[in-house]
């Protein structure tokens, strides 16, 4: 389960539904999706894709979006690649930031400047897809204000 730090407000279930629909409509590598129930204490969207970096056969996005437009798009692979795009208030951290691969331990400013749920989702997909096509996860955060 993915959690966002700080006072970010309740989960926006309708936003998670829109994010799911964008993934399903625009990304052919989606093989599975799961959106926990609206009454779950911390609803989360999980999207599995049928290709990963290097020899990894798959990857998974764990996504949270709150009513205060805070978000967390966490990507992980069984072979150990992890990164995530975040937006949330936290002391001494840029509100929009990126946790770099391979293990998501380092924070840097995010290349994603947009804020609307649909556009952020498309930006995350564009960043991930660009890096995946080059088989280089270090390229995920290198685009200029995607999408």
N, C-alpha and C. Protein backbone atom coordinates (compact mmCIF):
# COMPACT_ATOMS: atom_id res chain seq x y z
N UNK A 1 0.85 -1.18 0.00
CA UNK A 1 0.00 0.00 0.00
C UNK A 1 0.90 1.24 0.00
N UNK A 2 0.56 2.21 -0.83
CA UNK A 2 1.31 3.46 -0.95
C UNK A 2 0.64 4.52 -0.10
N UNK A 3 1.44 5.26 0.64
CA UNK A 3 0.92 6.36 1.44
C UNK A 3 1.66 7.63 1.07
N UNK A 4 0.99 8.76 1.20
CA UNK A 4 1.60 10.05 0.93
C UNK A 4 1.84 10.73 2.27
N UNK A 5 3.03 11.30 2.43
CA UNK A 5 3.38 11.97 3.68
C UNK A 5 2.61 13.28 3.84
N UNK A 6 2.45 13.71 5.07
CA UNK A 6 1.87 15.02 5.34
C UNK A 6 0.36 15.02 5.36
N UNK A 7 -0.20 16.20 5.49
CA UNK A 7 -1.65 16.39 5.55
C UNK A 7 -2.17 16.58 4.12
N UNK A 8 -2.51 15.51 3.47
CA UNK A 8 -2.85 15.56 2.05
C UNK A 8 -4.34 15.40 1.77
N UNK A 9 -5.13 15.12 2.78
CA UNK A 9 -6.57 14.97 2.59
C UNK A 9 -6.97 13.57 2.21
N UNK A 10 -8.29 13.35 2.12
CA UNK A 10 -8.79 12.02 1.77
C UNK A 10 -8.52 11.66 0.31
N UNK A 11 -8.55 10.37 0.04
CA UNK A 11 -8.35 9.86 -1.32
C UNK A 11 -9.49 10.31 -2.22
N UNK A 12 -9.15 10.73 -3.43
CA UNK A 12 -10.13 11.12 -4.44
C UNK A 12 -10.40 9.90 -5.33
N UNK A 13 -11.45 9.17 -5.00
CA UNK A 13 -11.75 7.92 -5.69
C UNK A 13 -12.07 8.15 -7.16
N UNK A 14 -12.79 9.22 -7.45
CA UNK A 14 -13.14 9.52 -8.84
C UNK A 14 -11.88 9.81 -9.66
N UNK A 15 -10.90 10.46 -9.06
CA UNK A 15 -9.64 10.70 -9.77
C UNK A 15 -8.95 9.38 -10.08
N UNK A 16 -8.95 8.45 -9.13
CA UNK A 16 -8.35 7.13 -9.38
C UNK A 16 -9.06 6.41 -10.53
N UNK A 17 -10.36 6.55 -10.62
CA UNK A 17 -11.11 5.95 -11.72
C UNK A 17 -10.69 6.57 -13.05
N UNK A 18 -10.52 7.89 -13.08
CA UNK A 18 -10.10 8.58 -14.32
C UNK A 18 -8.68 8.14 -14.71
N UNK A 19 -7.80 8.03 -13.73
CA UNK A 19 -6.43 7.59 -13.99
C UNK A 19 -6.44 6.18 -14.58
N UNK A 20 -7.22 5.30 -13.97
CA UNK A 20 -7.34 3.92 -14.49
C UNK A 20 -7.80 3.93 -15.94
N UNK A 21 -8.81 4.73 -16.24
CA UNK A 21 -9.35 4.78 -17.60
C UNK A 21 -8.32 5.29 -18.60
N UNK A 22 -7.50 6.27 -18.20
CA UNK A 22 -6.45 6.79 -19.09
C UNK A 22 -5.42 5.70 -19.36
N UNK A 23 -4.99 4.99 -18.32
CA UNK A 23 -4.04 3.89 -18.52
C UNK A 23 -4.62 2.86 -19.48
N UNK A 24 -5.86 2.46 -19.25
CA UNK A 24 -6.46 1.41 -20.08
C UNK A 24 -6.63 1.86 -21.53
N UNK A 25 -6.93 3.11 -21.73
CA UNK A 25 -7.16 3.62 -23.09
C UNK A 25 -5.86 3.88 -23.84
N UNK A 26 -4.82 4.32 -23.14
CA UNK A 26 -3.64 4.79 -23.85
C UNK A 26 -2.39 3.93 -23.74
N UNK A 27 -2.40 2.92 -22.87
CA UNK A 27 -1.20 2.10 -22.72
C UNK A 27 -1.48 0.63 -23.02
N UNK A 28 -1.03 0.15 -24.20
CA UNK A 28 -1.31 -1.24 -24.59
C UNK A 28 -0.60 -2.29 -23.75
N UNK A 29 0.40 -1.92 -22.97
CA UNK A 29 1.11 -2.91 -22.14
C UNK A 29 0.39 -3.23 -20.84
N UNK A 30 -0.73 -2.56 -20.53
CA UNK A 30 -1.47 -2.86 -19.30
C UNK A 30 -2.01 -4.29 -19.40
N UNK A 31 -1.67 -5.10 -18.40
CA UNK A 31 -2.15 -6.49 -18.38
C UNK A 31 -3.14 -6.74 -17.25
N UNK A 32 -3.13 -5.88 -16.24
CA UNK A 32 -4.01 -6.08 -15.09
C UNK A 32 -4.18 -4.75 -14.38
N UNK A 33 -5.36 -4.55 -13.80
CA UNK A 33 -5.58 -3.36 -12.97
C UNK A 33 -6.49 -3.74 -11.83
N UNK A 34 -6.29 -3.04 -10.72
CA UNK A 34 -7.09 -3.29 -9.52
C UNK A 34 -7.27 -1.96 -8.79
N UNK A 35 -8.51 -1.61 -8.59
CA UNK A 35 -8.83 -0.41 -7.82
C UNK A 35 -9.59 -0.87 -6.59
N UNK A 36 -8.96 -0.70 -5.43
CA UNK A 36 -9.61 -1.15 -4.20
C UNK A 36 -10.91 -0.38 -4.00
N UNK A 37 -11.78 -0.91 -3.17
CA UNK A 37 -13.11 -0.35 -2.99
C UNK A 37 -13.12 1.04 -2.39
N UNK A 38 -14.14 1.79 -2.74
CA UNK A 38 -14.31 3.16 -2.27
C UNK A 38 -14.29 3.24 -0.75
N UNK A 39 -14.76 2.19 -0.07
CA UNK A 39 -14.84 2.21 1.39
C UNK A 39 -13.57 1.71 2.07
N UNK A 40 -12.58 1.29 1.27
CA UNK A 40 -11.29 0.93 1.84
C UNK A 40 -10.72 2.12 2.60
N UNK A 41 -10.03 1.91 3.72
CA UNK A 41 -9.47 3.05 4.45
C UNK A 41 -8.50 3.87 3.60
N UNK A 42 -7.73 3.23 2.75
CA UNK A 42 -6.78 3.92 1.87
C UNK A 42 -6.90 3.33 0.46
N UNK A 43 -7.93 3.73 -0.31
CA UNK A 43 -8.05 3.18 -1.67
C UNK A 43 -6.81 3.49 -2.50
N UNK A 44 -6.46 2.54 -3.35
CA UNK A 44 -5.27 2.66 -4.18
C UNK A 44 -5.53 1.98 -5.50
N UNK A 45 -4.94 2.51 -6.56
CA UNK A 45 -5.03 1.93 -7.89
C UNK A 45 -3.72 1.22 -8.18
N UNK A 46 -3.80 -0.03 -8.61
CA UNK A 46 -2.62 -0.80 -9.01
C UNK A 46 -2.78 -1.18 -10.48
N UNK A 47 -1.75 -0.87 -11.27
CA UNK A 47 -1.76 -1.17 -12.70
C UNK A 47 -0.51 -1.99 -13.01
N UNK A 48 -0.68 -3.15 -13.60
CA UNK A 48 0.45 -3.99 -14.00
C UNK A 48 0.66 -3.84 -15.50
N UNK A 49 1.93 -3.70 -15.89
CA UNK A 49 2.29 -3.62 -17.30
C UNK A 49 3.15 -4.83 -17.65
N UNK A 50 2.98 -5.31 -18.86
CA UNK A 50 3.61 -6.56 -19.29
C UNK A 50 4.99 -6.42 -19.86
N UNK A 51 5.72 -5.42 -19.46
CA UNK A 51 7.10 -5.26 -19.89
C UNK A 51 7.80 -4.39 -18.86
N UNK A 52 9.08 -4.68 -18.64
CA UNK A 52 9.85 -3.88 -17.71
C UNK A 52 11.20 -3.53 -18.29
N UNK A 53 12.05 -2.94 -17.47
CA UNK A 53 13.39 -2.57 -17.90
C UNK A 53 14.31 -3.77 -17.83
N UNK A 54 15.26 -3.84 -18.77
CA UNK A 54 16.19 -4.96 -18.80
C UNK A 54 15.46 -6.27 -19.01
N UNK A 55 15.76 -7.24 -18.16
CA UNK A 55 15.14 -8.57 -18.29
C UNK A 55 13.84 -8.69 -17.51
N UNK A 56 13.41 -7.64 -16.85
CA UNK A 56 12.19 -7.72 -16.04
C UNK A 56 10.97 -7.94 -16.94
N UNK A 57 10.16 -8.95 -16.64
CA UNK A 57 9.00 -9.25 -17.49
C UNK A 57 7.80 -8.33 -17.26
N UNK A 58 7.84 -7.53 -16.19
CA UNK A 58 6.66 -6.71 -15.89
C UNK A 58 7.05 -5.60 -14.92
N UNK A 59 6.10 -4.70 -14.74
CA UNK A 59 6.23 -3.63 -13.76
C UNK A 59 4.86 -3.31 -13.21
N UNK A 60 4.82 -2.53 -12.15
CA UNK A 60 3.53 -2.17 -11.55
C UNK A 60 3.55 -0.72 -11.08
N UNK A 61 2.47 -0.02 -11.39
CA UNK A 61 2.25 1.31 -10.87
C UNK A 61 1.27 1.21 -9.70
N UNK A 62 1.63 1.75 -8.56
CA UNK A 62 0.74 1.89 -7.41
C UNK A 62 0.46 3.38 -7.29
N UNK A 63 -0.82 3.74 -7.38
CA UNK A 63 -1.17 5.15 -7.54
C UNK A 63 -2.16 5.59 -6.48
N UNK A 64 -1.88 6.78 -5.92
CA UNK A 64 -2.76 7.42 -4.96
C UNK A 64 -2.96 8.86 -5.43
N UNK A 65 -4.20 9.35 -5.34
CA UNK A 65 -4.52 10.76 -5.64
C UNK A 65 -5.49 11.23 -4.56
N UNK A 66 -5.22 12.40 -3.99
CA UNK A 66 -6.08 12.88 -2.91
C UNK A 66 -6.94 14.06 -3.37
N UNK A 67 -7.92 14.38 -2.54
CA UNK A 67 -8.82 15.49 -2.84
C UNK A 67 -8.11 16.84 -2.80
N UNK A 68 -6.91 16.89 -2.26
CA UNK A 68 -6.11 18.13 -2.27
C UNK A 68 -5.11 18.12 -3.41
N UNK A 69 -5.32 17.25 -4.40
CA UNK A 69 -4.47 17.12 -5.58
C UNK A 69 -3.03 16.76 -5.27
N UNK A 70 -2.84 16.04 -4.18
CA UNK A 70 -1.55 15.43 -3.90
C UNK A 70 -1.57 14.06 -4.56
N UNK A 71 -0.40 13.61 -5.01
CA UNK A 71 -0.39 12.32 -5.70
C UNK A 71 0.91 11.58 -5.45
N UNK A 72 0.86 10.29 -5.78
CA UNK A 72 2.00 9.41 -5.71
C UNK A 72 1.81 8.38 -6.82
N UNK A 73 2.69 8.40 -7.82
CA UNK A 73 2.74 7.39 -8.87
C UNK A 73 4.02 6.60 -8.63
N UNK A 74 3.90 5.46 -7.98
CA UNK A 74 5.06 4.64 -7.63
C UNK A 74 5.16 3.48 -8.61
N UNK A 75 6.30 3.37 -9.26
CA UNK A 75 6.55 2.27 -10.21
C UNK A 75 7.56 1.33 -9.57
N UNK A 76 7.29 0.03 -9.68
CA UNK A 76 8.20 -0.96 -9.11
C UNK A 76 8.25 -2.19 -10.01
N UNK A 77 9.39 -2.88 -9.98
CA UNK A 77 9.57 -4.11 -10.74
C UNK A 77 10.10 -5.21 -9.83
N UNK A 78 9.82 -6.46 -10.17
CA UNK A 78 10.33 -7.57 -9.35
C UNK A 78 11.86 -7.59 -9.28
N UNK A 79 12.54 -7.07 -10.31
CA UNK A 79 14.01 -7.08 -10.35
C UNK A 79 14.64 -5.94 -9.57
N UNK A 80 13.83 -5.09 -8.93
CA UNK A 80 14.38 -4.09 -8.05
C UNK A 80 14.36 -2.65 -8.54
N UNK A 81 13.82 -2.36 -9.70
CA UNK A 81 13.71 -0.97 -10.15
C UNK A 81 12.53 -0.32 -9.43
N UNK A 82 12.77 0.84 -8.81
CA UNK A 82 11.73 1.61 -8.14
C UNK A 82 11.95 3.09 -8.43
N UNK A 83 10.87 3.79 -8.73
CA UNK A 83 10.90 5.25 -8.80
C UNK A 83 9.49 5.76 -8.59
N UNK A 84 9.38 7.06 -8.29
CA UNK A 84 8.04 7.59 -8.15
C UNK A 84 8.00 9.10 -8.32
N UNK A 85 6.87 9.53 -8.86
CA UNK A 85 6.55 10.94 -8.97
C UNK A 85 5.60 11.27 -7.82
N UNK A 86 5.92 12.32 -7.07
CA UNK A 86 5.12 12.72 -5.92
C UNK A 86 4.77 14.20 -6.00
N UNK A 87 3.63 14.51 -5.43
CA UNK A 87 3.28 15.90 -5.14
C UNK A 87 2.58 15.91 -3.79
N UNK A 88 3.22 16.52 -2.83
CA UNK A 88 2.63 16.66 -1.50
C UNK A 88 3.48 17.63 -0.70
N UNK A 89 2.86 18.32 0.25
CA UNK A 89 3.63 19.23 1.09
C UNK A 89 4.48 18.44 2.09
N UNK A 90 5.71 18.85 2.21
CA UNK A 90 6.61 18.23 3.18
C UNK A 90 7.73 19.23 3.46
N UNK A 91 8.09 19.43 4.70
CA UNK A 91 9.13 20.41 5.01
C UNK A 91 10.43 20.12 4.28
N UNK A 92 11.06 21.16 3.77
CA UNK A 92 12.38 21.08 3.12
C UNK A 92 12.42 20.22 1.86
N UNK A 93 11.27 20.01 1.23
CA UNK A 93 11.22 19.22 0.00
C UNK A 93 10.35 19.98 -1.00
N UNK A 94 10.79 20.02 -2.25
CA UNK A 94 9.98 20.60 -3.30
C UNK A 94 8.67 19.83 -3.38
N UNK A 95 7.55 20.54 -3.43
CA UNK A 95 6.24 19.88 -3.42
C UNK A 95 6.12 18.83 -4.53
N UNK A 96 6.52 19.18 -5.75
CA UNK A 96 6.53 18.22 -6.86
C UNK A 96 7.95 17.69 -6.96
N UNK A 97 8.11 16.41 -6.68
CA UNK A 97 9.44 15.83 -6.71
C UNK A 97 9.40 14.41 -7.26
N UNK A 98 10.59 13.92 -7.53
CA UNK A 98 10.78 12.61 -8.15
C UNK A 98 11.80 11.84 -7.32
N UNK A 99 11.47 10.58 -7.03
CA UNK A 99 12.38 9.69 -6.33
C UNK A 99 13.04 8.81 -7.40
N UNK A 100 14.34 8.97 -7.54
CA UNK A 100 15.08 8.38 -8.66
C UNK A 100 15.27 6.87 -8.56
N UNK A 101 15.33 6.21 -9.74
CA UNK A 101 15.72 4.80 -9.76
C UNK A 101 17.21 4.68 -9.46
N UNK A 102 17.69 3.56 -9.01
CA UNK A 102 17.00 2.29 -9.04
C UNK A 102 16.12 2.00 -7.83
N UNK A 103 16.33 2.73 -6.71
CA UNK A 103 15.62 2.34 -5.48
C UNK A 103 14.73 3.43 -4.89
N UNK A 104 14.52 4.51 -5.61
CA UNK A 104 13.64 5.62 -5.18
C UNK A 104 14.08 6.28 -3.88
N UNK A 105 15.38 6.21 -3.58
CA UNK A 105 15.84 6.77 -2.31
C UNK A 105 16.25 8.24 -2.43
N UNK A 106 16.57 8.71 -3.62
CA UNK A 106 17.02 10.08 -3.83
C UNK A 106 15.89 10.93 -4.38
N UNK A 107 15.71 12.14 -3.82
CA UNK A 107 14.68 13.07 -4.29
C UNK A 107 15.31 14.20 -5.09
N UNK A 108 14.67 14.49 -6.22
CA UNK A 108 15.06 15.62 -7.06
C UNK A 108 13.78 16.30 -7.53
N UNK A 109 13.87 17.53 -8.04
CA UNK A 109 12.66 18.16 -8.59
C UNK A 109 12.07 17.33 -9.73
N UNK A 110 10.77 17.32 -9.82
CA UNK A 110 10.08 16.57 -10.87
C UNK A 110 10.05 17.35 -12.16
N UNK A 111 10.14 16.66 -13.27
CA UNK A 111 10.00 17.31 -14.57
C UNK A 111 8.53 17.60 -14.88
N UNK A 112 7.61 17.05 -14.09
CA UNK A 112 6.18 17.24 -14.32
C UNK A 112 5.73 18.51 -13.60
N UNK A 113 5.32 19.50 -14.38
CA UNK A 113 4.88 20.77 -13.82
C UNK A 113 3.37 20.92 -13.83
N UNK A 114 2.68 20.12 -14.63
CA UNK A 114 1.22 20.21 -14.75
C UNK A 114 0.57 19.71 -13.47
N UNK A 115 -0.74 20.00 -13.30
CA UNK A 115 -1.39 19.63 -12.05
C UNK A 115 -2.71 18.90 -12.21
N UNK A 116 -3.38 19.02 -13.35
CA UNK A 116 -4.66 18.36 -13.54
C UNK A 116 -4.46 16.85 -13.61
N UNK A 117 -5.37 16.10 -12.99
CA UNK A 117 -5.21 14.65 -12.87
C UNK A 117 -4.99 13.98 -14.23
N UNK A 118 -5.75 14.35 -15.23
CA UNK A 118 -5.61 13.72 -16.55
C UNK A 118 -4.26 14.03 -17.17
N UNK A 119 -3.79 15.26 -17.03
CA UNK A 119 -2.54 15.66 -17.65
C UNK A 119 -1.34 15.08 -16.89
N UNK A 120 -1.41 15.03 -15.57
CA UNK A 120 -0.35 14.40 -14.79
C UNK A 120 -0.23 12.93 -15.18
N UNK A 121 -1.37 12.26 -15.31
CA UNK A 121 -1.35 10.84 -15.68
C UNK A 121 -0.69 10.64 -17.04
N UNK A 122 -1.06 11.46 -18.01
CA UNK A 122 -0.45 11.36 -19.34
C UNK A 122 1.06 11.67 -19.28
N UNK A 123 1.44 12.62 -18.43
CA UNK A 123 2.85 12.96 -18.28
C UNK A 123 3.64 11.79 -17.69
N UNK A 124 3.11 11.17 -16.66
CA UNK A 124 3.78 10.01 -16.06
C UNK A 124 3.94 8.90 -17.09
N UNK A 125 2.88 8.63 -17.83
CA UNK A 125 2.95 7.59 -18.87
C UNK A 125 3.98 7.94 -19.93
N UNK A 126 4.02 9.19 -20.35
CA UNK A 126 4.97 9.62 -21.38
C UNK A 126 6.41 9.47 -20.88
N UNK A 127 6.66 9.88 -19.64
CA UNK A 127 8.00 9.76 -19.07
C UNK A 127 8.43 8.30 -18.98
N UNK A 128 7.52 7.47 -18.45
CA UNK A 128 7.83 6.04 -18.31
C UNK A 128 8.05 5.39 -19.67
N UNK A 129 7.17 5.67 -20.63
CA UNK A 129 7.23 5.05 -21.95
C UNK A 129 8.52 5.46 -22.67
N UNK A 130 8.90 6.73 -22.58
CA UNK A 130 10.13 7.21 -23.21
C UNK A 130 11.34 6.45 -22.67
N UNK A 131 11.42 6.30 -21.35
CA UNK A 131 12.53 5.57 -20.74
C UNK A 131 12.48 4.09 -21.08
N UNK A 132 11.28 3.50 -21.09
CA UNK A 132 11.14 2.08 -21.39
C UNK A 132 11.59 1.77 -22.82
N UNK A 133 11.22 2.62 -23.77
CA UNK A 133 11.62 2.40 -25.17
C UNK A 133 13.13 2.46 -25.35
N UNK A 134 13.81 3.17 -24.47
CA UNK A 134 15.28 3.25 -24.51
C UNK A 134 15.91 2.28 -23.51
N UNK A 135 15.07 1.53 -22.79
CA UNK A 135 15.50 0.57 -21.78
C UNK A 135 16.46 1.20 -20.77
N UNK A 136 16.11 2.42 -20.34
CA UNK A 136 16.98 3.15 -19.41
C UNK A 136 16.12 3.89 -18.38
N UNK A 137 15.93 3.31 -17.19
CA UNK A 137 15.08 3.95 -16.19
C UNK A 137 15.62 5.30 -15.69
N UNK A 138 16.90 5.58 -15.91
CA UNK A 138 17.43 6.87 -15.48
C UNK A 138 16.88 8.02 -16.33
N UNK A 139 16.21 7.72 -17.43
CA UNK A 139 15.66 8.76 -18.31
C UNK A 139 14.23 9.16 -17.94
N UNK A 140 13.64 8.53 -16.94
CA UNK A 140 12.23 8.75 -16.62
C UNK A 140 11.93 10.21 -16.31
N UNK A 141 12.79 10.90 -15.63
CA UNK A 141 12.53 12.27 -15.19
C UNK A 141 13.28 13.30 -16.02
N UNK A 142 13.59 13.01 -17.27
CA UNK A 142 14.41 13.90 -18.07
C UNK A 142 13.64 14.70 -19.12
N UNK A 143 12.36 14.47 -19.26
CA UNK A 143 11.57 15.22 -20.25
C UNK A 143 11.36 16.65 -19.76
N UNK A 144 11.01 17.53 -20.66
CA UNK A 144 10.76 18.92 -20.31
C UNK A 144 9.27 19.18 -20.26
N UNK A 145 8.73 19.32 -19.04
CA UNK A 145 7.32 19.58 -18.78
C UNK A 145 6.39 18.73 -19.66
N UNK A 146 6.45 17.41 -19.50
CA UNK A 146 5.56 16.55 -20.28
C UNK A 146 4.11 16.75 -19.89
N UNK A 147 3.14 16.33 -20.62
CA UNK A 147 3.26 15.50 -21.80
C UNK A 147 3.51 16.36 -22.98
